[in-house]
Amino acid sequence: MAIIDLQLKAELLNVTGLIPNEEKEAYNWHFKIRCGSCNETTKTFVTINRVVRTQSGSQISGSRGDANLVMKCKFCKREGSATIVSKPIEYTDKDSGKFASILSIECRGLEPVEFEPRDGWRVVGTESQAKFDVDLTEGEWYDYDEDAGVEISVTEIKAQFVRAKHPTKGAASNKLSTK
């Protein structure tokens, strides 16, 4: 078992608080996954939702537990699972231009290797405190904050995965309930 942190790096202009917008529903995270046994990587992105747990028919084999994702490798047929163990963590203007952890995932027999930040994000204008819906499908986002009279943007988005030193490093309030 390993706890993997998804780290994001982006340039924020006149905005802060980049985070998936979960006001209506939990965000669907999109990853390419590598098998921990044979190193085969999925060709398409796999969707993981932190609220959705596996159905009773697709629980972890040989376990009473469940996960946000349970999948068998198409090449070696080994089973792996992933469980999101933290709520999303805001990427702030203080983080701009450097990597910061935004999500922790417990991985068994697989690991995420690529992240695609699609639609469904939110930022807040640093001057006006106005909220903006953000679509990162194109890899960048631009808008104009009319209340503050400034251009706003999220650009140069990069992601990396690192083994966490602590499951929710610096984010004890972001731990998910185990109930």
N, C-alpha and C. Protein backbone atom coordinates (compact mmCIF):
# COMPACT_ATOMS: atom_id res chain seq x y z
N MET A 1 0.84 -1.18 0.00
CA MET A 1 0.00 0.00 0.00
C MET A 1 0.88 1.24 0.00
N ALA A 2 0.50 2.19 -0.80
CA ALA A 2 1.21 3.46 -0.84
C ALA A 2 0.21 4.59 -0.91
N ILE A 3 0.55 5.68 -0.27
CA ILE A 3 -0.26 6.89 -0.39
C ILE A 3 0.45 7.76 -1.41
N ILE A 4 -0.25 8.09 -2.47
CA ILE A 4 0.29 8.91 -3.55
C ILE A 4 -0.40 10.26 -3.52
N ASP A 5 0.38 11.32 -3.52
CA ASP A 5 -0.17 12.68 -3.61
C ASP A 5 -0.16 13.15 -5.05
N LEU A 6 -1.28 13.67 -5.50
CA LEU A 6 -1.35 14.37 -6.78
C LEU A 6 -0.93 15.80 -6.49
N GLN A 7 0.13 16.24 -7.16
CA GLN A 7 0.60 17.61 -7.01
C GLN A 7 0.35 18.38 -8.29
N LEU A 8 -0.08 19.61 -8.13
CA LEU A 8 -0.38 20.48 -9.25
C LEU A 8 0.57 21.67 -9.23
N LYS A 9 0.90 22.15 -10.41
CA LYS A 9 1.70 23.36 -10.56
C LYS A 9 1.01 24.19 -11.64
N ALA A 10 0.78 25.46 -11.37
CA ALA A 10 0.12 26.34 -12.34
C ALA A 10 0.50 27.78 -12.06
N GLU A 11 0.35 28.61 -13.06
CA GLU A 11 0.52 30.05 -12.90
C GLU A 11 -0.86 30.66 -12.74
N LEU A 12 -1.10 31.30 -11.59
CA LEU A 12 -2.38 31.94 -11.31
C LEU A 12 -2.21 33.45 -11.44
N LEU A 13 -3.08 34.09 -12.20
CA LEU A 13 -3.04 35.54 -12.37
C LEU A 13 -4.32 36.14 -11.80
N ASN A 14 -4.18 36.89 -10.72
CA ASN A 14 -5.28 37.60 -10.06
C ASN A 14 -6.39 36.68 -9.56
N VAL A 15 -6.06 35.41 -9.31
CA VAL A 15 -7.01 34.47 -8.73
C VAL A 15 -6.32 33.63 -7.67
N THR A 16 -7.10 33.00 -6.82
CA THR A 16 -6.58 32.08 -5.83
C THR A 16 -7.61 30.98 -5.62
N GLY A 17 -7.26 29.98 -4.84
CA GLY A 17 -8.21 28.95 -4.47
C GLY A 17 -8.66 28.04 -5.59
N LEU A 18 -7.74 27.63 -6.48
CA LEU A 18 -8.09 26.68 -7.54
C LEU A 18 -8.42 25.34 -6.89
N ILE A 19 -9.64 24.89 -7.10
CA ILE A 19 -10.10 23.64 -6.48
C ILE A 19 -11.28 23.11 -7.30
N PRO A 20 -11.46 21.79 -7.32
CA PRO A 20 -12.66 21.28 -7.98
C PRO A 20 -13.91 21.85 -7.31
N ASN A 21 -14.87 22.24 -8.11
CA ASN A 21 -16.12 22.80 -7.60
C ASN A 21 -17.04 21.66 -7.20
N GLU A 22 -17.14 21.41 -5.90
CA GLU A 22 -17.95 20.30 -5.40
C GLU A 22 -19.22 20.79 -4.71
N GLU A 23 -19.72 21.97 -5.10
CA GLU A 23 -20.94 22.49 -4.48
C GLU A 23 -22.15 21.62 -4.80
N LYS A 24 -22.23 21.08 -6.00
CA LYS A 24 -23.38 20.27 -6.41
C LYS A 24 -23.09 18.77 -6.34
N GLU A 25 -21.91 18.37 -6.74
CA GLU A 25 -21.54 16.95 -6.72
C GLU A 25 -20.03 16.80 -6.65
N ALA A 26 -19.59 15.60 -6.24
CA ALA A 26 -18.16 15.34 -6.13
C ALA A 26 -17.51 15.35 -7.51
N TYR A 27 -16.28 15.82 -7.55
CA TYR A 27 -15.52 15.94 -8.80
C TYR A 27 -15.09 14.57 -9.32
N ASN A 28 -15.14 14.39 -10.62
CA ASN A 28 -14.61 13.18 -11.27
C ASN A 28 -13.16 13.44 -11.66
N TRP A 29 -12.25 12.71 -11.02
CA TRP A 29 -10.82 12.81 -11.30
C TRP A 29 -10.49 11.87 -12.45
N HIS A 30 -9.63 12.30 -13.38
CA HIS A 30 -9.30 11.50 -14.57
C HIS A 30 -7.80 11.20 -14.59
N PHE A 31 -7.48 9.88 -14.53
CA PHE A 31 -6.10 9.44 -14.46
C PHE A 31 -5.82 8.34 -15.48
N LYS A 32 -4.58 8.26 -15.93
CA LYS A 32 -4.08 7.05 -16.57
C LYS A 32 -3.44 6.26 -15.45
N ILE A 33 -3.65 4.94 -15.47
CA ILE A 33 -3.24 4.08 -14.37
C ILE A 33 -2.23 3.05 -14.87
N ARG A 34 -1.17 2.82 -14.06
CA ARG A 34 -0.17 1.80 -14.38
C ARG A 34 -0.31 0.65 -13.39
N CYS A 35 -0.28 -0.57 -13.93
CA CYS A 35 -0.31 -1.78 -13.10
C CYS A 35 0.99 -1.87 -12.30
N GLY A 36 0.87 -2.15 -11.02
CA GLY A 36 2.05 -2.28 -10.17
C GLY A 36 2.79 -3.59 -10.36
N SER A 37 2.18 -4.51 -11.09
CA SER A 37 2.81 -5.80 -11.30
C SER A 37 3.57 -5.87 -12.63
N CYS A 38 2.90 -5.53 -13.73
CA CYS A 38 3.54 -5.67 -15.05
C CYS A 38 3.89 -4.32 -15.70
N ASN A 39 3.54 -3.21 -15.05
CA ASN A 39 3.82 -1.84 -15.53
C ASN A 39 3.04 -1.44 -16.79
N GLU A 40 2.00 -2.19 -17.14
CA GLU A 40 1.14 -1.81 -18.27
C GLU A 40 0.32 -0.59 -17.87
N THR A 41 0.23 0.39 -18.77
CA THR A 41 -0.52 1.62 -18.50
C THR A 41 -1.79 1.66 -19.34
N THR A 42 -2.89 2.12 -18.73
CA THR A 42 -4.15 2.22 -19.46
C THR A 42 -3.98 3.18 -20.63
N LYS A 43 -4.63 2.87 -21.74
CA LYS A 43 -4.55 3.73 -22.92
C LYS A 43 -5.46 4.94 -22.79
N THR A 44 -6.56 4.78 -22.07
CA THR A 44 -7.51 5.87 -21.87
C THR A 44 -7.51 6.29 -20.41
N PHE A 45 -8.12 7.44 -20.15
CA PHE A 45 -8.20 7.93 -18.78
C PHE A 45 -9.31 7.19 -18.03
N VAL A 46 -9.04 6.88 -16.77
CA VAL A 46 -9.97 6.20 -15.89
C VAL A 46 -10.52 7.25 -14.93
N THR A 47 -11.83 7.21 -14.69
CA THR A 47 -12.48 8.18 -13.81
C THR A 47 -12.60 7.63 -12.40
N ILE A 48 -12.21 8.46 -11.43
CA ILE A 48 -12.35 8.10 -10.02
C ILE A 48 -13.11 9.24 -9.33
N ASN A 49 -14.15 8.87 -8.57
CA ASN A 49 -14.94 9.84 -7.82
C ASN A 49 -14.78 9.50 -6.35
N ARG A 50 -14.43 10.48 -5.52
CA ARG A 50 -14.12 10.18 -4.12
C ARG A 50 -15.34 9.77 -3.30
N VAL A 51 -16.54 10.06 -3.78
CA VAL A 51 -17.75 9.71 -3.06
C VAL A 51 -18.26 8.33 -3.46
N VAL A 52 -18.08 7.98 -4.73
CA VAL A 52 -18.58 6.71 -5.24
C VAL A 52 -17.65 5.58 -4.81
N ARG A 53 -18.20 4.62 -4.12
CA ARG A 53 -17.46 3.42 -3.72
C ARG A 53 -17.89 2.28 -4.63
N THR A 54 -17.08 1.26 -4.69
CA THR A 54 -17.40 0.12 -5.55
C THR A 54 -18.70 -0.52 -5.12
N GLN A 55 -19.41 -1.06 -6.07
CA GLN A 55 -20.66 -1.77 -5.79
C GLN A 55 -20.33 -3.12 -5.16
N SER A 56 -21.31 -3.74 -4.53
CA SER A 56 -21.07 -5.02 -3.84
C SER A 56 -20.53 -6.08 -4.79
N GLY A 57 -20.87 -6.01 -6.07
CA GLY A 57 -20.38 -6.99 -7.03
C GLY A 57 -18.95 -6.75 -7.46
N SER A 58 -18.38 -5.60 -7.17
CA SER A 58 -17.01 -5.32 -7.60
C SER A 58 -16.15 -4.85 -6.43
N GLN A 59 -16.34 -5.47 -5.26
CA GLN A 59 -15.50 -5.17 -4.13
C GLN A 59 -14.11 -5.74 -4.36
N ILE A 60 -13.20 -5.36 -3.51
CA ILE A 60 -11.83 -5.86 -3.61
C ILE A 60 -11.85 -7.36 -3.34
N SER A 61 -11.31 -8.14 -4.25
CA SER A 61 -11.28 -9.59 -4.11
C SER A 61 -10.57 -10.00 -2.83
N GLY A 62 -11.15 -10.97 -2.10
CA GLY A 62 -10.53 -11.48 -0.89
C GLY A 62 -10.51 -10.49 0.25
N SER A 63 -11.39 -9.50 0.20
CA SER A 63 -11.41 -8.46 1.23
C SER A 63 -12.84 -8.07 1.53
N ARG A 64 -13.06 -7.55 2.71
CA ARG A 64 -14.38 -7.02 3.04
C ARG A 64 -14.45 -5.53 2.73
N GLY A 65 -13.33 -4.97 2.29
CA GLY A 65 -13.27 -3.54 2.03
C GLY A 65 -13.76 -3.18 0.64
N ASP A 66 -13.86 -1.89 0.43
CA ASP A 66 -14.21 -1.38 -0.88
C ASP A 66 -13.28 -0.22 -1.20
N ALA A 67 -13.40 0.30 -2.40
CA ALA A 67 -12.51 1.37 -2.84
C ALA A 67 -13.25 2.25 -3.84
N ASN A 68 -12.64 3.38 -4.17
CA ASN A 68 -13.22 4.25 -5.20
C ASN A 68 -13.00 3.66 -6.59
N LEU A 69 -11.96 2.85 -6.74
CA LEU A 69 -11.67 2.20 -8.01
C LEU A 69 -11.10 0.81 -7.75
N VAL A 70 -11.68 -0.20 -8.39
CA VAL A 70 -11.13 -1.54 -8.39
C VAL A 70 -11.07 -1.95 -9.85
N MET A 71 -9.88 -2.35 -10.32
CA MET A 71 -9.76 -2.75 -11.72
C MET A 71 -8.74 -3.86 -11.88
N LYS A 72 -8.97 -4.68 -12.91
CA LYS A 72 -8.02 -5.74 -13.25
C LYS A 72 -7.20 -5.25 -14.43
N CYS A 73 -5.91 -5.54 -14.38
CA CYS A 73 -5.02 -5.20 -15.48
C CYS A 73 -5.42 -6.04 -16.69
N LYS A 74 -5.55 -5.41 -17.84
CA LYS A 74 -5.92 -6.13 -19.06
C LYS A 74 -4.80 -7.04 -19.55
N PHE A 75 -3.58 -6.77 -19.12
CA PHE A 75 -2.44 -7.57 -19.58
C PHE A 75 -2.17 -8.77 -18.66
N CYS A 76 -1.95 -8.52 -17.36
CA CYS A 76 -1.58 -9.61 -16.45
C CYS A 76 -2.73 -10.11 -15.59
N LYS A 77 -3.88 -9.44 -15.64
CA LYS A 77 -5.10 -9.83 -14.91
C LYS A 77 -5.02 -9.66 -13.40
N ARG A 78 -4.00 -8.99 -12.91
CA ARG A 78 -3.92 -8.72 -11.47
C ARG A 78 -4.88 -7.58 -11.11
N GLU A 79 -5.41 -7.66 -9.91
CA GLU A 79 -6.35 -6.64 -9.45
C GLU A 79 -5.63 -5.58 -8.64
N GLY A 80 -6.06 -4.34 -8.82
CA GLY A 80 -5.53 -3.23 -8.05
C GLY A 80 -6.68 -2.34 -7.63
N SER A 81 -6.42 -1.51 -6.63
CA SER A 81 -7.47 -0.62 -6.14
C SER A 81 -6.89 0.73 -5.76
N ALA A 82 -7.77 1.72 -5.77
CA ALA A 82 -7.39 3.07 -5.37
C ALA A 82 -8.52 3.67 -4.55
N THR A 83 -8.15 4.32 -3.45
CA THR A 83 -9.11 4.98 -2.58
C THR A 83 -8.63 6.40 -2.32
N ILE A 84 -9.47 7.36 -2.61
CA ILE A 84 -9.12 8.76 -2.32
C ILE A 84 -9.28 8.96 -0.82
N VAL A 85 -8.20 9.39 -0.15
CA VAL A 85 -8.20 9.49 1.31
C VAL A 85 -8.22 10.92 1.84
N SER A 86 -8.36 11.89 0.95
CA SER A 86 -8.49 13.28 1.41
C SER A 86 -9.48 14.01 0.54
N LYS A 87 -10.04 15.06 1.10
CA LYS A 87 -10.84 15.97 0.28
C LYS A 87 -9.86 16.76 -0.56
N PRO A 88 -10.32 17.34 -1.68
CA PRO A 88 -9.40 18.17 -2.48
C PRO A 88 -8.86 19.34 -1.65
N ILE A 89 -7.60 19.67 -1.89
CA ILE A 89 -6.93 20.76 -1.19
C ILE A 89 -6.74 21.92 -2.17
N GLU A 90 -7.10 23.12 -1.75
CA GLU A 90 -6.97 24.29 -2.63
C GLU A 90 -5.54 24.56 -3.05
N TYR A 91 -5.39 24.92 -4.31
CA TYR A 91 -4.11 25.41 -4.84
C TYR A 91 -4.23 26.92 -4.82
N THR A 92 -3.42 27.60 -4.00
CA THR A 92 -3.60 29.04 -3.78
C THR A 92 -2.59 29.87 -4.57
N ASP A 93 -2.78 31.17 -4.54
CA ASP A 93 -1.84 32.07 -5.22
C ASP A 93 -0.46 31.99 -4.58
N LYS A 94 -0.36 31.58 -3.32
CA LYS A 94 0.95 31.38 -2.68
C LYS A 94 1.69 30.18 -3.27
N ASP A 95 0.92 29.22 -3.81
CA ASP A 95 1.51 28.04 -4.45
C ASP A 95 1.89 28.30 -5.90
N SER A 96 1.40 29.39 -6.48
CA SER A 96 1.56 29.66 -7.91
C SER A 96 3.01 29.47 -8.37
N GLY A 97 3.17 28.67 -9.42
CA GLY A 97 4.49 28.44 -9.99
C GLY A 97 5.28 27.33 -9.35
N LYS A 98 4.72 26.67 -8.34
CA LYS A 98 5.42 25.54 -7.72
C LYS A 98 4.43 24.41 -7.44
N PHE A 99 4.96 23.20 -7.30
CA PHE A 99 4.11 22.05 -7.06
C PHE A 99 3.58 22.05 -5.63
N ALA A 100 2.28 21.71 -5.50
CA ALA A 100 1.64 21.59 -4.19
C ALA A 100 0.63 20.45 -4.27
N SER A 101 0.54 19.69 -3.18
CA SER A 101 -0.38 18.55 -3.14
C SER A 101 -1.82 19.03 -3.10
N ILE A 102 -2.67 18.40 -3.93
CA ILE A 102 -4.09 18.76 -3.96
C ILE A 102 -5.00 17.56 -3.66
N LEU A 103 -4.44 16.34 -3.63
CA LEU A 103 -5.25 15.15 -3.37
C LEU A 103 -4.34 14.01 -2.95
N SER A 104 -4.82 13.16 -2.02
CA SER A 104 -4.08 11.96 -1.60
C SER A 104 -4.88 10.72 -1.95
N ILE A 105 -4.19 9.74 -2.52
CA ILE A 105 -4.83 8.51 -2.98
C ILE A 105 -4.07 7.31 -2.42
N GLU A 106 -4.79 6.39 -1.77
CA GLU A 106 -4.19 5.14 -1.30
C GLU A 106 -4.26 4.14 -2.45
N CYS A 107 -3.11 3.64 -2.86
CA CYS A 107 -3.04 2.75 -4.03
C CYS A 107 -2.53 1.37 -3.61
N ARG A 108 -3.18 0.33 -4.14
CA ARG A 108 -2.77 -1.05 -3.90
C ARG A 108 -2.73 -1.76 -5.24
N GLY A 109 -1.53 -2.09 -5.69
CA GLY A 109 -1.38 -2.84 -6.93
C GLY A 109 -1.51 -2.02 -8.20
N LEU A 110 -1.62 -0.71 -8.07
CA LEU A 110 -1.67 0.18 -9.23
C LEU A 110 -1.23 1.56 -8.78
N GLU A 111 -0.97 2.42 -9.75
CA GLU A 111 -0.64 3.80 -9.41
C GLU A 111 -1.01 4.72 -10.56
N PRO A 112 -1.46 5.93 -10.21
CA PRO A 112 -1.75 6.91 -11.26
C PRO A 112 -0.44 7.44 -11.84
N VAL A 113 -0.43 7.67 -13.17
CA VAL A 113 0.80 8.16 -13.81
C VAL A 113 0.56 9.42 -14.63
N GLU A 114 -0.71 9.73 -14.91
CA GLU A 114 -1.02 10.94 -15.67
C GLU A 114 -2.37 11.47 -15.20
N PHE A 115 -2.48 12.79 -15.10
CA PHE A 115 -3.71 13.44 -14.65
C PHE A 115 -4.20 14.39 -15.72
N GLU A 116 -5.50 14.40 -15.94
CA GLU A 116 -6.11 15.31 -16.91
C GLU A 116 -7.18 16.14 -16.18
N PRO A 117 -6.91 17.44 -15.95
CA PRO A 117 -7.86 18.30 -15.22
C PRO A 117 -8.95 18.85 -16.13
N ARG A 118 -10.02 18.23 -16.25
CA ARG A 118 -11.07 18.64 -17.19
C ARG A 118 -11.91 19.79 -16.63
N ASP A 119 -13.17 19.82 -16.94
CA ASP A 119 -14.10 20.86 -16.50
C ASP A 119 -14.47 20.66 -15.03
N GLY A 120 -15.03 21.68 -14.41
CA GLY A 120 -15.56 21.53 -13.06
C GLY A 120 -14.70 22.11 -11.96
N TRP A 121 -13.85 23.07 -12.26
CA TRP A 121 -12.99 23.71 -11.27
C TRP A 121 -13.56 25.08 -10.90
N ARG A 122 -13.02 25.66 -9.84
CA ARG A 122 -13.45 26.98 -9.38
C ARG A 122 -12.24 27.76 -8.89
N VAL A 123 -12.26 29.07 -9.12
CA VAL A 123 -11.27 29.98 -8.55
C VAL A 123 -12.01 31.18 -7.96
N VAL A 124 -11.28 31.95 -7.17
CA VAL A 124 -11.81 33.16 -6.56
C VAL A 124 -10.91 34.32 -6.95
N GLY A 125 -11.49 35.42 -7.40
CA GLY A 125 -10.71 36.61 -7.74
C GLY A 125 -10.01 37.15 -6.50
N THR A 126 -8.70 37.44 -6.59
CA THR A 126 -7.96 37.90 -5.41
C THR A 126 -8.42 39.27 -4.93
N GLU A 127 -8.85 40.12 -5.84
CA GLU A 127 -9.29 41.47 -5.44
C GLU A 127 -10.78 41.52 -5.15
N SER A 128 -11.60 40.92 -6.01
CA SER A 128 -13.06 41.05 -5.90
C SER A 128 -13.70 39.96 -5.04
N GLN A 129 -13.01 38.85 -4.82
CA GLN A 129 -13.53 37.67 -4.12
C GLN A 129 -14.70 37.03 -4.87
N ALA A 130 -14.87 37.38 -6.15
CA ALA A 130 -15.90 36.77 -7.00
C ALA A 130 -15.48 35.35 -7.36
N LYS A 131 -16.46 34.44 -7.44
CA LYS A 131 -16.17 33.05 -7.80
C LYS A 131 -16.35 32.88 -9.31
N PHE A 132 -15.47 32.08 -9.90
CA PHE A 132 -15.50 31.81 -11.34
C PHE A 132 -15.44 30.32 -11.57
N ASP A 133 -16.30 29.81 -12.48
CA ASP A 133 -16.22 28.42 -12.91
C ASP A 133 -15.11 28.30 -13.94
N VAL A 134 -14.31 27.25 -13.82
CA VAL A 134 -13.12 27.10 -14.65
C VAL A 134 -13.17 25.77 -15.39
N ASP A 135 -12.90 25.81 -16.69
CA ASP A 135 -12.78 24.61 -17.51
C ASP A 135 -11.31 24.49 -17.94
N LEU A 136 -10.63 23.47 -17.42
CA LEU A 136 -9.21 23.29 -17.71
C LEU A 136 -8.96 22.26 -18.80
N THR A 137 -10.01 21.91 -19.56
CA THR A 137 -9.88 20.91 -20.62
C THR A 137 -8.81 21.29 -21.63
N GLU A 138 -8.69 22.58 -21.94
CA GLU A 138 -7.71 23.05 -22.93
C GLU A 138 -6.32 23.25 -22.33
N GLY A 139 -6.18 23.02 -21.02
CA GLY A 139 -4.87 23.17 -20.39
C GLY A 139 -4.58 24.57 -19.88
N GLU A 140 -5.51 25.49 -20.11
CA GLU A 140 -5.38 26.85 -19.59
C GLU A 140 -6.76 27.49 -19.59
N TRP A 141 -6.89 28.61 -18.84
CA TRP A 141 -8.19 29.28 -18.72
C TRP A 141 -7.94 30.77 -18.56
N TYR A 142 -8.72 31.55 -19.29
CA TYR A 142 -8.63 33.01 -19.23
C TYR A 142 -10.03 33.60 -19.06
N ASP A 143 -10.11 34.70 -18.31
CA ASP A 143 -11.38 35.42 -18.16
C ASP A 143 -11.05 36.84 -17.72
N TYR A 144 -12.11 37.60 -17.45
CA TYR A 144 -11.96 38.99 -17.01
C TYR A 144 -12.81 39.18 -15.78
N ASP A 145 -12.22 39.68 -14.71
CA ASP A 145 -12.93 39.97 -13.47
C ASP A 145 -13.46 41.39 -13.57
N GLU A 146 -14.74 41.52 -13.93
CA GLU A 146 -15.34 42.84 -14.13
C GLU A 146 -15.39 43.66 -12.85
N ASP A 147 -15.62 43.00 -11.70
CA ASP A 147 -15.69 43.72 -10.43
C ASP A 147 -14.36 44.38 -10.07
N ALA A 148 -13.25 43.70 -10.38
CA ALA A 148 -11.92 44.24 -10.07
C ALA A 148 -11.30 44.95 -11.27
N GLY A 149 -11.84 44.71 -12.46
CA GLY A 149 -11.29 45.34 -13.67
C GLY A 149 -9.94 44.79 -14.08
N VAL A 150 -9.72 43.47 -13.87
CA VAL A 150 -8.44 42.86 -14.21
C VAL A 150 -8.63 41.55 -14.97
N GLU A 151 -7.61 41.22 -15.77
CA GLU A 151 -7.58 39.92 -16.44
C GLU A 151 -7.25 38.86 -15.39
N ILE A 152 -7.87 37.69 -15.53
CA ILE A 152 -7.59 36.58 -14.63
C ILE A 152 -7.29 35.34 -15.47
N SER A 153 -6.43 34.48 -14.94
CA SER A 153 -6.09 33.27 -15.71
C SER A 153 -5.47 32.19 -14.83
N VAL A 154 -5.54 30.97 -15.38
CA VAL A 154 -4.85 29.80 -14.85
C VAL A 154 -4.12 29.21 -16.05
N THR A 155 -2.80 29.19 -16.02
CA THR A 155 -2.02 28.73 -17.17
C THR A 155 -0.87 27.82 -16.72
N GLU A 156 -0.18 27.26 -17.70
CA GLU A 156 1.01 26.43 -17.47
C GLU A 156 0.78 25.33 -16.43
N ILE A 157 -0.33 24.61 -16.60
CA ILE A 157 -0.71 23.56 -15.66
C ILE A 157 0.13 22.31 -15.89
N LYS A 158 0.70 21.81 -14.80
CA LYS A 158 1.46 20.57 -14.83
C LYS A 158 1.06 19.76 -13.60
N ALA A 159 1.17 18.44 -13.72
CA ALA A 159 0.86 17.57 -12.59
C ALA A 159 1.97 16.55 -12.41
N GLN A 160 2.14 16.11 -11.18
CA GLN A 160 3.08 15.04 -10.87
C GLN A 160 2.54 14.25 -9.69
N PHE A 161 3.03 13.03 -9.54
CA PHE A 161 2.63 12.17 -8.45
C PHE A 161 3.85 11.89 -7.59
N VAL A 162 3.68 12.01 -6.27
CA VAL A 162 4.78 11.74 -5.34
C VAL A 162 4.25 10.86 -4.21
N ARG A 163 5.13 10.04 -3.69
CA ARG A 163 4.76 9.24 -2.53
C ARG A 163 4.65 10.18 -1.33
N ALA A 164 3.54 10.10 -0.65
CA ALA A 164 3.29 10.98 0.48
C ALA A 164 4.09 10.53 1.69
N LYS A 165 4.63 11.49 2.42
CA LYS A 165 5.33 11.18 3.66
C LYS A 165 4.30 10.94 4.75
N HIS A 166 3.15 11.57 4.60
CA HIS A 166 2.02 11.41 5.52
C HIS A 166 0.76 11.46 4.67
N PRO A 167 -0.23 10.60 4.92
CA PRO A 167 -1.40 10.52 4.05
C PRO A 167 -2.07 11.85 3.71
N THR A 168 -2.17 12.77 4.64
CA THR A 168 -2.80 14.05 4.35
C THR A 168 -1.93 15.17 4.88
N LYS A 169 -0.68 15.17 4.48
CA LYS A 169 0.34 16.12 4.91
C LYS A 169 -0.20 17.54 4.97
N GLY A 170 -0.22 18.11 6.16
CA GLY A 170 -0.62 19.50 6.32
C GLY A 170 -2.10 19.73 6.10
N ALA A 171 -2.89 18.66 6.09
CA ALA A 171 -4.30 18.83 5.80
C ALA A 171 -5.15 17.89 6.64
N ALA A 172 -4.94 17.92 7.95
CA ALA A 172 -5.67 17.01 8.83
C ALA A 172 -7.18 17.21 8.70
N SER A 173 -7.64 18.42 8.43
CA SER A 173 -9.06 18.67 8.29
C SER A 173 -9.59 18.16 6.96
N ASN A 174 -8.72 17.74 6.05
CA ASN A 174 -9.15 17.23 4.75
C ASN A 174 -9.33 15.72 4.74
N LYS A 175 -9.06 15.05 5.86
CA LYS A 175 -9.24 13.60 5.91
C LYS A 175 -10.69 13.25 5.68
N LEU A 176 -10.92 12.19 4.93
CA LEU A 176 -12.28 11.71 4.72
C LEU A 176 -12.68 10.84 5.89
N SER A 177 -13.95 10.87 6.22
CA SER A 177 -14.49 10.03 7.27
C SER A 177 -14.37 8.57 6.86
N THR A 178 -14.03 7.71 7.79
CA THR A 178 -13.91 6.29 7.48
C THR A 178 -15.19 5.54 7.83
N LYS A 179 -16.23 6.25 8.19
CA LYS A 179 -17.51 5.62 8.54
C LYS A 179 -18.22 5.11 7.32
